[in-house]
């Protein structure tokens, strides 16, 4: 198991899913040497985005009731598509590629 996978599993098991994502983001963006103030601002933005998404889903995005509605599923699909577009772009711009062209 890759060290990142082990760390992620440990953080998630400790109830720190968003922190695990933040650590992965820092690694992917090579932010080891970033100034403390910049890291704090970036972490705040990262957690604010996670909080906004979660609060939107649990507070107002889903229709009332216990069973998901067609609108609930459509909205969740839209979130999935938006985040997939983001991560595709993110990987293309910021993550190293293997091999040569």
PDB file of N, CA and C in Angstrom:
ATOM      1  N   UNK A   1       0.850  -1.182   0.000  1.00  0.00           N
ATOM      2  CA  UNK A   1       0.000   0.000   0.000  1.00  0.00           C
ATOM      3  C   UNK A   1       0.892   1.239   0.000  1.00  0.00           C
ATOM      4  N   UNK A   2       0.584   2.162  -0.889  1.00  0.00           N
ATOM      5  CA  UNK A   2       1.334   3.414  -1.003  1.00  0.00           C
ATOM      6  C   UNK A   2       1.207   4.212   0.300  1.00  0.00           C
ATOM      7  N   UNK A   3       2.231   4.958   0.662  1.00  0.00           N
ATOM      8  CA  UNK A   3       2.224   5.719   1.906  1.00  0.00           C
ATOM      9  C   UNK A   3       1.034   6.685   1.974  1.00  0.00           C
ATOM     10  N   UNK A   4       0.683   7.293   0.810  1.00  0.00           N
ATOM     11  CA  UNK A   4      -0.449   8.222   0.793  1.00  0.00           C
ATOM     12  C   UNK A   4      -1.751   7.479   1.106  1.00  0.00           C
ATOM     13  N   UNK A   5      -1.897   6.271   0.550  1.00  0.00           N
ATOM     14  CA  UNK A   5      -3.109   5.493   0.824  1.00  0.00           C
ATOM     15  C   UNK A   5      -3.205   5.118   2.298  1.00  0.00           C
ATOM     16  N   UNK A   6      -2.086   4.755   2.888  1.00  0.00           N
ATOM     17  CA  UNK A   6      -2.071   4.403   4.306  1.00  0.00           C
ATOM     18  C   UNK A   6      -2.417   5.612   5.173  1.00  0.00           C
ATOM     19  N   UNK A   7      -1.809   6.756   4.862  1.00  0.00           N
ATOM     20  CA  UNK A   7      -2.098   7.980   5.610  1.00  0.00           C
ATOM     21  C   UNK A   7      -3.564   8.367   5.469  1.00  0.00           C
ATOM     22  N   UNK A   8      -4.100   8.296   4.259  1.00  0.00           N
ATOM     23  CA  UNK A   8      -5.509   8.630   4.033  1.00  0.00           C
ATOM     24  C   UNK A   8      -6.404   7.730   4.876  1.00  0.00           C
ATOM     25  N   UNK A   9      -6.144   6.449   4.842  1.00  0.00           N
ATOM     26  CA  UNK A   9      -6.958   5.502   5.613  1.00  0.00           C
ATOM     27  C   UNK A   9      -6.891   5.813   7.112  1.00  0.00           C
ATOM     28  N   UNK A  10      -5.702   6.123   7.607  1.00  0.00           N
ATOM     29  CA  UNK A  10      -5.557   6.449   9.025  1.00  0.00           C
ATOM     30  C   UNK A  10      -6.334   7.712   9.387  1.00  0.00           C
ATOM     31  N   UNK A  11      -6.235   8.739   8.537  1.00  0.00           N
ATOM     32  CA  UNK A  11      -6.954   9.985   8.818  1.00  0.00           C
ATOM     33  C   UNK A  11      -8.467   9.780   8.743  1.00  0.00           C
ATOM     34  N   UNK A  12      -8.937   9.054   7.744  1.00  0.00           N
ATOM     35  CA  UNK A  12     -10.367   8.798   7.607  1.00  0.00           C
ATOM     36  C   UNK A  12     -10.864   7.994   8.807  1.00  0.00           C
ATOM     37  N   UNK A  13     -10.124   6.977   9.216  1.00  0.00           N
ATOM     38  CA  UNK A  13     -10.503   6.176  10.384  1.00  0.00           C
ATOM     39  C   UNK A  13     -10.562   7.022  11.650  1.00  0.00           C
ATOM     40  N   UNK A  14      -9.788   8.097  11.691  1.00  0.00           N
ATOM     41  CA  UNK A  14      -9.784   9.003  12.842  1.00  0.00           C
ATOM     42  C   UNK A  14     -10.842  10.093  12.716  1.00  0.00           C
ATOM     43  N   UNK A  15     -11.665  10.014  11.657  1.00  0.00           N
ATOM     44  CA  UNK A  15     -12.714  11.010  11.453  1.00  0.00           C
ATOM     45  C   UNK A  15     -12.217  12.289  10.809  1.00  0.00           C
ATOM     46  N   UNK A  16     -11.152  12.199  10.017  1.00  0.00           N
ATOM     47  CA  UNK A  16     -10.532  13.373   9.412  1.00  0.00           C
ATOM     48  C   UNK A  16     -10.483  13.277   7.883  1.00  0.00           C
ATOM     49  N   UNK A  17     -11.633  13.005   7.279  1.00  0.00           N
ATOM     50  CA  UNK A  17     -11.706  12.872   5.826  1.00  0.00           C
ATOM     51  C   UNK A  17     -11.254  14.136   5.111  1.00  0.00           C
ATOM     52  N   UNK A  18     -11.727  15.299   5.560  1.00  0.00           N
ATOM     53  CA  UNK A  18     -11.375  16.555   4.885  1.00  0.00           C
ATOM     54  C   UNK A  18      -9.886  16.849   5.087  1.00  0.00           C
ATOM     55  N   UNK A  19      -9.374  16.575   6.269  1.00  0.00           N
ATOM     56  CA  UNK A  19      -7.947  16.752   6.529  1.00  0.00           C
ATOM     57  C   UNK A  19      -7.126  15.862   5.592  1.00  0.00           C
ATOM     58  N   UNK A  20      -7.591  14.650   5.361  1.00  0.00           N
ATOM     59  CA  UNK A  20      -6.895  13.752   4.433  1.00  0.00           C
ATOM     60  C   UNK A  20      -6.850  14.361   3.038  1.00  0.00           C
ATOM     61  N   UNK A  21      -7.959  14.946   2.610  1.00  0.00           N
ATOM     62  CA  UNK A  21      -7.978  15.615   1.310  1.00  0.00           C
ATOM     63  C   UNK A  21      -7.032  16.793   1.269  1.00  0.00           C
ATOM     64  N   UNK A  22      -6.985  17.550   2.356  1.00  0.00           N
ATOM     65  CA  UNK A  22      -6.086  18.704   2.440  1.00  0.00           C
ATOM     66  C   UNK A  22      -4.626  18.252   2.333  1.00  0.00           C
ATOM     67  N   UNK A  23      -4.276  17.202   3.045  1.00  0.00           N
ATOM     68  CA  UNK A  23      -2.901  16.696   2.992  1.00  0.00           C
ATOM     69  C   UNK A  23      -2.566  16.260   1.564  1.00  0.00           C
ATOM     70  N   UNK A  24      -3.496  15.561   0.919  1.00  0.00           N
ATOM     71  CA  UNK A  24      -3.273  15.144  -0.465  1.00  0.00           C
ATOM     72  C   UNK A  24      -3.122  16.326  -1.404  1.00  0.00           C
ATOM     73  N   UNK A  25      -3.926  17.355  -1.186  1.00  0.00           N
ATOM     74  CA  UNK A  25      -3.837  18.572  -1.990  1.00  0.00           C
ATOM     75  C   UNK A  25      -2.466  19.217  -1.822  1.00  0.00           C
ATOM     76  N   UNK A  26      -2.001  19.314  -0.581  1.00  0.00           N
ATOM     77  CA  UNK A  26      -0.674  19.902  -0.324  1.00  0.00           C
ATOM     78  C   UNK A  26       0.423  19.111  -1.029  1.00  0.00           C
ATOM     79  N   UNK A  27       0.312  17.804  -0.974  1.00  0.00           N
ATOM     80  CA  UNK A  27       1.321  16.955  -1.627  1.00  0.00           C
ATOM     81  C   UNK A  27       1.258  17.152  -3.141  1.00  0.00           C
ATOM     82  N   UNK A  28       0.051  17.107  -3.709  1.00  0.00           N
ATOM     83  CA  UNK A  28      -0.113  17.235  -5.156  1.00  0.00           C
ATOM     84  C   UNK A  28       0.404  18.576  -5.660  1.00  0.00           C
ATOM     85  N   UNK A  29       0.198  19.617  -4.875  1.00  0.00           N
ATOM     86  CA  UNK A  29       0.610  20.960  -5.297  1.00  0.00           C
ATOM     87  C   UNK A  29       2.015  21.318  -4.842  1.00  0.00           C
ATOM     88  N   UNK A  30       2.685  20.368  -4.215  1.00  0.00           N
ATOM     89  CA  UNK A  30       4.058  20.574  -3.747  1.00  0.00           C
ATOM     90  C   UNK A  30       4.177  21.842  -2.910  1.00  0.00           C
ATOM     91  N   UNK A  31       3.370  21.908  -1.856  1.00  0.00           N
ATOM     92  CA  UNK A  31       3.328  23.089  -0.993  1.00  0.00           C
ATOM     93  C   UNK A  31       4.183  22.942   0.265  1.00  0.00           C
ATOM     94  N   UNK A  32       5.167  22.050   0.231  1.00  0.00           N
ATOM     95  CA  UNK A  32       6.011  21.826   1.408  1.00  0.00           C
ATOM     96  C   UNK A  32       6.666  23.101   1.930  1.00  0.00           C
ATOM     97  N   UNK A  33       7.126  23.927   1.022  1.00  0.00           N
ATOM     98  CA  UNK A  33       7.903  25.110   1.413  1.00  0.00           C
ATOM     99  C   UNK A  33       7.084  26.399   1.410  1.00  0.00           C
ATOM    100  N   UNK A  34       5.780  26.279   1.297  1.00  0.00           N
ATOM    101  CA  UNK A  34       4.937  27.478   1.273  1.00  0.00           C
ATOM    102  C   UNK A  34       4.962  28.156   2.645  1.00  0.00           C
ATOM    103  N   UNK A  35       4.876  29.479   2.665  1.00  0.00           N
ATOM    104  CA  UNK A  35       4.842  30.198   3.939  1.00  0.00           C
ATOM    105  C   UNK A  35       3.626  29.785   4.772  1.00  0.00           C
ATOM    106  N   UNK A  36       3.785  29.844   6.084  1.00  0.00           N
ATOM    107  CA  UNK A  36       2.730  29.427   7.009  1.00  0.00           C
ATOM    108  C   UNK A  36       1.417  30.172   6.746  1.00  0.00           C
ATOM    109  N   UNK A  37       1.481  31.478   6.520  1.00  0.00           N
ATOM    110  CA  UNK A  37       0.260  32.253   6.262  1.00  0.00           C
ATOM    111  C   UNK A  37      -0.454  31.778   5.000  1.00  0.00           C
ATOM    112  N   UNK A  38       0.311  31.485   3.959  1.00  0.00           N
ATOM    113  CA  UNK A  38      -0.282  31.001   2.711  1.00  0.00           C
ATOM    114  C   UNK A  38      -0.948  29.641   2.937  1.00  0.00           C
ATOM    115  N   UNK A  39      -0.274  28.755   3.664  1.00  0.00           N
ATOM    116  CA  UNK A  39      -0.850  27.443   3.947  1.00  0.00           C
ATOM    117  C   UNK A  39      -2.137  27.571   4.753  1.00  0.00           C
ATOM    118  N   UNK A  40      -2.160  28.466   5.703  1.00  0.00           N
ATOM    119  CA  UNK A  40      -3.367  28.665   6.505  1.00  0.00           C
ATOM    120  C   UNK A  40      -4.513  29.173   5.628  1.00  0.00           C
ATOM    121  N   UNK A  41      -4.231  30.125   4.750  1.00  0.00           N
ATOM    122  CA  UNK A  41      -5.261  30.644   3.844  1.00  0.00           C
ATOM    123  C   UNK A  41      -5.766  29.549   2.900  1.00  0.00           C
ATOM    124  N   UNK A  42      -4.850  28.759   2.364  1.00  0.00           N
ATOM    125  CA  UNK A  42      -5.247  27.679   1.460  1.00  0.00           C
ATOM    126  C   UNK A  42      -6.066  26.616   2.188  1.00  0.00           C
ATOM    127  N   UNK A  43      -5.645  26.268   3.396  1.00  0.00           N
ATOM    128  CA  UNK A  43      -6.387  25.280   4.193  1.00  0.00           C
ATOM    129  C   UNK A  43      -7.784  25.808   4.509  1.00  0.00           C
ATOM    130  N   UNK A  44      -7.873  27.074   4.875  1.00  0.00           N
ATOM    131  CA  UNK A  44      -9.188  27.666   5.140  1.00  0.00           C
ATOM    132  C   UNK A  44     -10.084  27.578   3.909  1.00  0.00           C
ATOM    133  N   UNK A  45      -9.537  27.884   2.743  1.00  0.00           N
ATOM    134  CA  UNK A  45     -10.321  27.815   1.507  1.00  0.00           C
ATOM    135  C   UNK A  45     -10.732  26.372   1.209  1.00  0.00           C
ATOM    136  N   UNK A  46      -9.822  25.440   1.406  1.00  0.00           N
ATOM    137  CA  UNK A  46     -10.112  24.028   1.157  1.00  0.00           C
ATOM    138  C   UNK A  46     -11.248  23.550   2.057  1.00  0.00           C
ATOM    139  N   UNK A  47     -11.131  23.828   3.354  1.00  0.00           N
ATOM    140  CA  UNK A  47     -12.159  23.403   4.296  1.00  0.00           C
ATOM    141  C   UNK A  47     -13.471  24.154   4.072  1.00  0.00           C
ATOM    142  N   UNK A  48     -13.396  25.425   3.700  1.00  0.00           N
ATOM    143  CA  UNK A  48     -14.616  26.188   3.433  1.00  0.00           C
ATOM    144  C   UNK A  48     -15.374  25.582   2.257  1.00  0.00           C
ATOM    145  N   UNK A  49     -14.667  25.155   1.234  1.00  0.00           N
ATOM    146  CA  UNK A  49     -15.312  24.505   0.096  1.00  0.00           C
ATOM    147  C   UNK A  49     -15.977  23.197   0.504  1.00  0.00           C
ATOM    148  N   UNK A  50     -15.280  22.420   1.323  1.00  0.00           N
ATOM    149  CA  UNK A  50     -15.860  21.162   1.801  1.00  0.00           C
ATOM    150  C   UNK A  50     -17.082  21.433   2.673  1.00  0.00           C
ATOM    151  N   UNK A  51     -16.982  22.419   3.547  1.00  0.00           N
ATOM    152  CA  UNK A  51     -18.096  22.748   4.437  1.00  0.00           C
ATOM    153  C   UNK A  51     -19.294  23.236   3.635  1.00  0.00           C
ATOM    154  N   UNK A  52     -19.047  24.079   2.644  1.00  0.00           N
ATOM    155  CA  UNK A  52     -20.135  24.592   1.800  1.00  0.00           C
ATOM    156  C   UNK A  52     -20.851  23.437   1.098  1.00  0.00           C
ATOM    157  N   UNK A  53     -20.091  22.538   0.519  1.00  0.00           N
ATOM    158  CA  UNK A  53     -20.686  21.419  -0.199  1.00  0.00           C
ATOM    159  C   UNK A  53     -21.502  20.543   0.741  1.00  0.00           C
ATOM    160  N   UNK A  54     -20.916  20.184   1.871  1.00  0.00           N
ATOM    161  CA  UNK A  54     -21.615  19.309   2.805  1.00  0.00           C
ATOM    162  C   UNK A  54     -22.863  19.977   3.369  1.00  0.00           C
ATOM    163  N   UNK A  55     -22.738  21.242   3.778  1.00  0.00           N
ATOM    164  CA  UNK A  55     -23.892  21.958   4.330  1.00  0.00           C
ATOM    165  C   UNK A  55     -24.982  22.126   3.281  1.00  0.00           C
ATOM    166  N   UNK A  56     -24.598  22.355   2.044  1.00  0.00           N
ATOM    167  CA  UNK A  56     -25.586  22.492   0.972  1.00  0.00           C
ATOM    168  C   UNK A  56     -26.340  21.186   0.768  1.00  0.00           C
ATOM    169  N   UNK A  57     -25.621  20.090   0.769  1.00  0.00           N
ATOM    170  CA  UNK A  57     -26.248  18.790   0.561  1.00  0.00           C
ATOM    171  C   UNK A  57     -27.165  18.450   1.730  1.00  0.00           C
ATOM    172  N   UNK A  58     -26.665  18.589   2.942  1.00  0.00           N
ATOM    173  CA  UNK A  58     -27.435  18.154   4.102  1.00  0.00           C
ATOM    174  C   UNK A  58     -28.472  19.170   4.560  1.00  0.00           C
ATOM    175  N   UNK A  59     -28.285  20.441   4.208  1.00  0.00           N
ATOM    176  CA  UNK A  59     -29.176  21.462   4.726  1.00  0.00           C
ATOM    177  C   UNK A  59     -30.264  21.921   3.780  1.00  0.00           C
ATOM    178  N   UNK A  60     -29.955  22.052   2.516  1.00  0.00           N
ATOM    179  CA  UNK A  60     -30.964  22.642   1.641  1.00  0.00           C
ATOM    180  C   UNK A  60     -31.031  22.023   0.248  1.00  0.00           C
ATOM    181  N   UNK A  61     -30.047  21.273  -0.135  1.00  0.00           N
ATOM    182  CA  UNK A  61     -30.015  20.736  -1.494  1.00  0.00           C
ATOM    183  C   UNK A  61     -30.999  19.591  -1.690  1.00  0.00           C
ATOM    184  N   UNK A  62     -31.083  18.714  -0.697  1.00  0.00           N
ATOM    185  CA  UNK A  62     -31.928  17.539  -0.842  1.00  0.00           C
ATOM    186  C   UNK A  62     -33.371  17.854  -0.467  1.00  0.00           C
ATOM    187  N   UNK A  63     -34.301  17.233  -1.175  1.00  0.00           N
ATOM    188  CA  UNK A  63     -35.719  17.404  -0.876  1.00  0.00           C
ATOM    189  C   UNK A  63     -36.047  16.758   0.470  1.00  0.00           C
ATOM    190  N   UNK A  64     -37.056  17.270   1.177  1.00  0.00           N
ATOM    191  CA  UNK A  64     -37.438  16.690   2.469  1.00  0.00           C
ATOM    192  C   UNK A  64     -37.841  15.219   2.319  1.00  0.00           C
ATOM    193  N   UNK A  65     -37.630  14.454   3.373  1.00  0.00           N
ATOM    194  CA  UNK A  65     -37.994  13.038   3.370  1.00  0.00           C
ATOM    195  C   UNK A  65     -36.761  12.167   3.447  1.00  0.00           C
ATOM    196  N   UNK A  66     -36.988  10.906   3.709  1.00  0.00           N
ATOM    197  CA  UNK A  66     -35.887   9.969   3.911  1.00  0.00           C
ATOM    198  C   UNK A  66     -35.387   9.350   2.606  1.00  0.00           C
ATOM    199  N   UNK A  67     -36.260   9.200   1.651  1.00  0.00           N
ATOM    200  CA  UNK A  67     -35.885   8.566   0.390  1.00  0.00           C
ATOM    201  C   UNK A  67     -35.438   9.620  -0.620  1.00  0.00           C
ATOM    202  N   UNK A  68     -34.375   9.331  -1.371  1.00  0.00           N
ATOM    203  CA  UNK A  68     -33.933  10.293  -2.388  1.00  0.00           C
ATOM    204  C   UNK A  68     -34.990  10.451  -3.484  1.00  0.00           C
ATOM    205  N   UNK A  69     -35.154  11.679  -3.918  1.00  0.00           N
ATOM    206  CA  UNK A  69     -36.077  11.968  -5.020  1.00  0.00           C
ATOM    207  C   UNK A  69     -35.287  12.047  -6.321  1.00  0.00           C
ATOM    208  N   UNK A  70     -36.000  12.145  -7.422  1.00  0.00           N
ATOM    209  CA  UNK A  70     -35.340  12.306  -8.727  1.00  0.00           C
ATOM    210  C   UNK A  70     -34.514  13.593  -8.740  1.00  0.00           C
ATOM    211  N   UNK A  71     -35.038  14.650  -8.109  1.00  0.00           N
ATOM    212  CA  UNK A  71     -34.279  15.904  -8.024  1.00  0.00           C
ATOM    213  C   UNK A  71     -33.010  15.735  -7.200  1.00  0.00           C
ATOM    214  N   UNK A  72     -33.102  15.000  -6.098  1.00  0.00           N
ATOM    215  CA  UNK A  72     -31.926  14.745  -5.273  1.00  0.00           C
ATOM    216  C   UNK A  72     -30.835  14.065  -6.103  1.00  0.00           C
ATOM    217  N   UNK A  73     -31.225  13.042  -6.834  1.00  0.00           N
ATOM    218  CA  UNK A  73     -30.255  12.295  -7.643  1.00  0.00           C
ATOM    219  C   UNK A  73     -29.675  13.174  -8.746  1.00  0.00           C
ATOM    220  N   UNK A  74     -30.508  13.997  -9.358  1.00  0.00           N
ATOM    221  CA  UNK A  74     -30.022  14.910 -10.401  1.00  0.00           C
ATOM    222  C   UNK A  74     -29.018  15.892  -9.818  1.00  0.00           C
ATOM    223  N   UNK A  75     -29.323  16.455  -8.661  1.00  0.00           N
ATOM    224  CA  UNK A  75     -28.411  17.414  -8.026  1.00  0.00           C
ATOM    225  C   UNK A  75     -27.090  16.754  -7.643  1.00  0.00           C
ATOM    226  N   UNK A  76     -27.165  15.559  -7.089  1.00  0.00           N
ATOM    227  CA  UNK A  76     -25.931  14.852  -6.727  1.00  0.00           C
ATOM    228  C   UNK A  76     -25.114  14.535  -7.983  1.00  0.00           C
ATOM    229  N   UNK A  77     -25.782  14.169  -9.056  1.00  0.00           N
ATOM    230  CA  UNK A  77     -25.091  13.915 -10.319  1.00  0.00           C
ATOM    231  C   UNK A  77     -24.416  15.186 -10.826  1.00  0.00           C
ATOM    232  N   UNK A  78     -25.085  16.325 -10.689  1.00  0.00           N
ATOM    233  CA  UNK A  78     -24.488  17.595 -11.110  1.00  0.00           C
ATOM    234  C   UNK A  78     -23.231  17.916 -10.292  1.00  0.00           C
ATOM    235  N   UNK A  79     -23.289  17.665  -8.983  1.00  0.00           N
ATOM    236  CA  UNK A  79     -22.111  17.871  -8.138  1.00  0.00           C
ATOM    237  C   UNK A  79     -20.988  16.954  -8.590  1.00  0.00           C
ATOM    238  N   UNK A  80     -21.317  15.688  -8.837  1.00  0.00           N
ATOM    239  CA  UNK A  80     -20.320  14.725  -9.301  1.00  0.00           C
ATOM    240  C   UNK A  80     -19.682  15.189 -10.607  1.00  0.00           C
ATOM    241  N   UNK A  81     -20.491  15.626 -11.563  1.00  0.00           N
ATOM    242  CA  UNK A  81     -19.962  16.087 -12.844  1.00  0.00           C
ATOM    243  C   UNK A  81     -19.081  17.323 -12.682  1.00  0.00           C
ATOM    244  N   UNK A  82     -19.506  18.261 -11.836  1.00  0.00           N
ATOM    245  CA  UNK A  82     -18.713  19.472 -11.611  1.00  0.00           C
ATOM    246  C   UNK A  82     -17.358  19.130 -11.005  1.00  0.00           C
ATOM    247  N   UNK A  83     -17.355  18.239 -10.018  1.00  0.00           N
ATOM    248  CA  UNK A  83     -16.094  17.869  -9.369  1.00  0.00           C
ATOM    249  C   UNK A  83     -15.214  17.033 -10.291  1.00  0.00           C
ATOM    250  N   UNK A  84     -15.810  16.213 -11.125  1.00  0.00           N
ATOM    251  CA  UNK A  84     -15.014  15.452 -12.102  1.00  0.00           C
ATOM    252  C   UNK A  84     -14.338  16.388 -13.105  1.00  0.00           C
ATOM    253  N   UNK A  85     -15.070  17.413 -13.558  1.00  0.00           N
ATOM    254  CA  UNK A  85     -14.454  18.403 -14.459  1.00  0.00           C
ATOM    255  C   UNK A  85     -13.290  19.097 -13.761  1.00  0.00           C
ATOM    256  N   UNK A  86     -13.500  19.467 -12.510  1.00  0.00           N
ATOM    257  CA  UNK A  86     -12.438  20.135 -11.757  1.00  0.00           C
ATOM    258  C   UNK A  86     -11.200  19.250 -11.650  1.00  0.00           C
ATOM    259  N   UNK A  87     -11.376  18.004 -11.224  1.00  0.00           N
ATOM    260  CA  UNK A  87     -10.204  17.159 -10.973  1.00  0.00           C
ATOM    261  C   UNK A  87      -9.490  16.811 -12.276  1.00  0.00           C
ATOM    262  N   UNK A  88     -10.222  16.691 -13.365  1.00  0.00           N
ATOM    263  CA  UNK A  88      -9.574  16.457 -14.662  1.00  0.00           C
ATOM    264  C   UNK A  88      -8.688  17.640 -15.023  1.00  0.00           C
ATOM    265  N   UNK A  89      -9.220  18.842 -14.868  1.00  0.00           N
ATOM    266  CA  UNK A  89      -8.442  20.053 -15.146  1.00  0.00           C
ATOM    267  C   UNK A  89      -7.277  20.190 -14.175  1.00  0.00           C
ATOM    268  N   UNK A  90      -7.532  19.947 -12.903  1.00  0.00           N
ATOM    269  CA  UNK A  90      -6.502  20.038 -11.872  1.00  0.00           C
ATOM    270  C   UNK A  90      -5.335  19.106 -12.196  1.00  0.00           C
ATOM    271  N   UNK A  91      -5.653  17.870 -12.502  1.00  0.00           N
ATOM    272  CA  UNK A  91      -4.602  16.893 -12.828  1.00  0.00           C
ATOM    273  C   UNK A  91      -3.816  17.316 -14.061  1.00  0.00           C
ATOM    274  N   UNK A  92      -4.513  17.817 -15.056  1.00  0.00           N
ATOM    275  CA  UNK A  92      -3.844  18.225 -16.294  1.00  0.00           C
ATOM    276  C   UNK A  92      -2.889  19.387 -16.057  1.00  0.00           C
ATOM    277  N   UNK A  93      -3.283  20.282 -15.171  1.00  0.00           N
ATOM    278  CA  UNK A  93      -2.470  21.478 -14.929  1.00  0.00           C
ATOM    279  C   UNK A  93      -1.376  21.268 -13.890  1.00  0.00           C
ATOM    280  N   UNK A  94      -1.632  20.467 -12.864  1.00  0.00           N
ATOM    281  CA  UNK A  94      -0.740  20.476 -11.702  1.00  0.00           C
ATOM    282  C   UNK A  94      -0.031  19.175 -11.380  1.00  0.00           C
ATOM    283  N   UNK A  95      -0.543  18.053 -11.833  1.00  0.00           N
ATOM    284  CA  UNK A  95       0.098  16.793 -11.463  1.00  0.00           C
ATOM    285  C   UNK A  95       1.076  16.363 -12.543  1.00  0.00           C
ATOM    286  N   UNK A  96       2.207  15.850 -12.109  1.00  0.00           N
ATOM    287  CA  UNK A  96       3.194  15.391 -13.095  1.00  0.00           C
ATOM    288  C   UNK A  96       2.667  14.186 -13.867  1.00  0.00           C
ATOM    289  N   UNK A  97       3.097  14.088 -15.100  1.00  0.00           N
ATOM    290  CA  UNK A  97       2.718  12.951 -15.929  1.00  0.00           C
ATOM    291  C   UNK A  97       3.886  11.990 -15.986  1.00  0.00           C
ATOM    292  N   UNK A  98       3.595  10.749 -16.325  1.00  0.00           N
ATOM    293  CA  UNK A  98       4.668   9.768 -16.457  1.00  0.00           C
ATOM    294  C   UNK A  98       4.922   9.521 -17.932  1.00  0.00           C
ATOM    295  N   UNK A  99       6.107   9.069 -18.239  1.00  0.00           N
ATOM    296  CA  UNK A  99       6.455   8.794 -19.625  1.00  0.00           C
ATOM    297  C   UNK A  99       6.871  10.041 -20.372  1.00  0.00           C
ATOM    298  N   UNK A 100       6.978   9.917 -21.683  1.00  0.00           N
ATOM    299  CA  UNK A 100       7.369  11.041 -22.504  1.00  0.00           C
ATOM    300  C   UNK A 100       6.555  11.041 -23.786  1.00  0.00           C
ATOM    301  N   UNK A 101       6.422  12.222 -24.346  1.00  0.00           N
ATOM    302  CA  UNK A 101       5.639  12.336 -25.573  1.00  0.00           C
ATOM    303  C   UNK A 101       6.556  12.476 -26.766  1.00  0.00           C
TER     304      UNK A 101
END
